[in-house]
């Protein structure tokens, strides 16, 4: 007996091929999801490392600024002391 010109065996073969095709697509989608998830993790790690480097640089610059302010204060004190000492 035929349905739309196909035998039951032919329709079963077509169905099985379609299921195999769908399974292959599902596997590829899962691989893509995994690849994208891995890429996202790597990007987050890279961003975290960059942020940590920026925080370290910021702390270093704050330390340098603090040292400069302290040195300036010492210099100012020395200049005032010398001016007073020499009665200027």
Protein backbone atom coordinates (compact mmCIF):
# COMPACT_ATOMS: atom_id res chain seq x y z
CA UNK A 1 0.00 0.00 0.00
CA UNK A 2 1.31 3.48 -0.88
CA UNK A 3 0.75 6.87 0.75
CA UNK A 4 1.33 9.87 -1.51
CA UNK A 5 3.29 7.59 -3.80
CA UNK A 6 5.56 6.15 -1.06
CA UNK A 7 5.52 2.72 0.55
CA UNK A 8 5.54 2.36 4.32
CA UNK A 9 9.16 1.22 4.14
CA UNK A 10 10.14 4.31 2.12
CA UNK A 11 8.29 6.58 4.54
CA UNK A 12 10.01 4.83 7.47
CA UNK A 13 13.41 5.37 5.80
CA UNK A 14 12.59 9.06 5.21
CA UNK A 15 11.49 9.42 8.84
CA UNK A 16 14.70 7.74 10.08
CA UNK A 17 16.86 9.99 7.87
CA UNK A 18 15.00 13.04 9.17
CA UNK A 19 15.53 11.92 12.78
CA UNK A 20 19.24 11.33 12.11
CA UNK A 21 19.49 14.78 10.54
CA UNK A 22 17.73 16.36 13.53
CA UNK A 23 20.05 14.54 15.96
CA UNK A 24 23.09 15.78 14.01
CA UNK A 25 21.78 19.35 14.17
CA UNK A 26 21.13 18.99 17.92
CA UNK A 27 24.70 17.77 18.44
CA UNK A 28 26.09 20.71 16.47
CA UNK A 29 23.96 23.12 18.49
CA UNK A 30 25.26 21.64 21.73
CA UNK A 31 28.84 21.98 20.47
CA UNK A 32 28.19 25.61 19.56
CA UNK A 33 26.65 26.28 22.97
CA UNK A 34 29.72 24.76 24.64
CA UNK A 35 32.11 26.76 22.45
CA UNK A 36 30.25 29.99 23.18
CA UNK A 37 30.10 29.22 26.89
CA UNK A 38 33.86 28.60 26.87
CA UNK A 39 34.46 31.84 24.96
CA UNK A 40 32.33 33.74 27.48
CA UNK A 41 34.28 32.24 30.38
CA UNK A 42 37.58 33.20 28.72
CA UNK A 43 36.35 36.74 28.06
CA UNK A 44 35.19 37.09 31.67
CA UNK A 45 38.55 35.81 32.88
CA UNK A 46 40.38 38.23 30.59
CA UNK A 47 38.19 41.11 31.80
CA UNK A 48 38.81 40.11 35.42
CA UNK A 49 42.56 40.01 34.83
CA UNK A 50 42.45 43.42 33.15
CA UNK A 51 40.39 44.81 36.02
CA UNK A 52 42.85 43.45 38.58
CA UNK A 53 45.74 44.97 36.63
CA UNK A 54 43.93 48.32 36.53
CA UNK A 55 43.23 48.16 40.25
CA UNK A 56 46.92 47.42 40.92
CA UNK A 57 47.96 50.33 38.70
CA UNK A 58 45.43 52.58 40.43
CA UNK A 59 46.80 51.62 43.85
CA UNK A 60 50.36 52.24 42.65
CA UNK A 61 49.43 55.67 41.28
CA UNK A 62 47.60 56.56 44.51
CA UNK A 63 50.75 55.61 46.42
CA UNK A 64 52.90 57.77 44.14
CA UNK A 65 50.46 60.67 44.51
CA UNK A 66 50.48 60.28 48.28
CA UNK A 67 54.29 60.28 48.26
CA UNK A 68 54.33 63.42 46.10
CA UNK A 69 51.92 65.19 48.43
CA UNK A 70 54.06 64.21 51.41
CA UNK A 71 57.27 65.32 49.67
CA UNK A 72 55.66 68.61 48.72
CA UNK A 73 54.56 69.17 52.31
CA UNK A 74 58.10 68.45 53.53
CA UNK A 75 59.56 70.80 50.92
CA UNK A 76 57.11 73.52 51.89
CA UNK A 77 58.00 73.08 55.56
CA UNK A 78 61.73 73.26 54.75
CA UNK A 79 61.30 76.40 52.65
CA UNK A 80 59.29 78.10 55.39
CA UNK A 81 61.89 77.07 57.97
CA UNK A 82 64.74 78.42 55.82
CA UNK A 83 62.88 81.67 55.19
CA UNK A 84 62.32 82.12 58.91
CA UNK A 85 65.92 81.20 59.68
CA UNK A 86 67.27 83.79 57.24
CA UNK A 87 64.69 86.38 58.26
CA UNK A 88 63.33 86.77 54.77
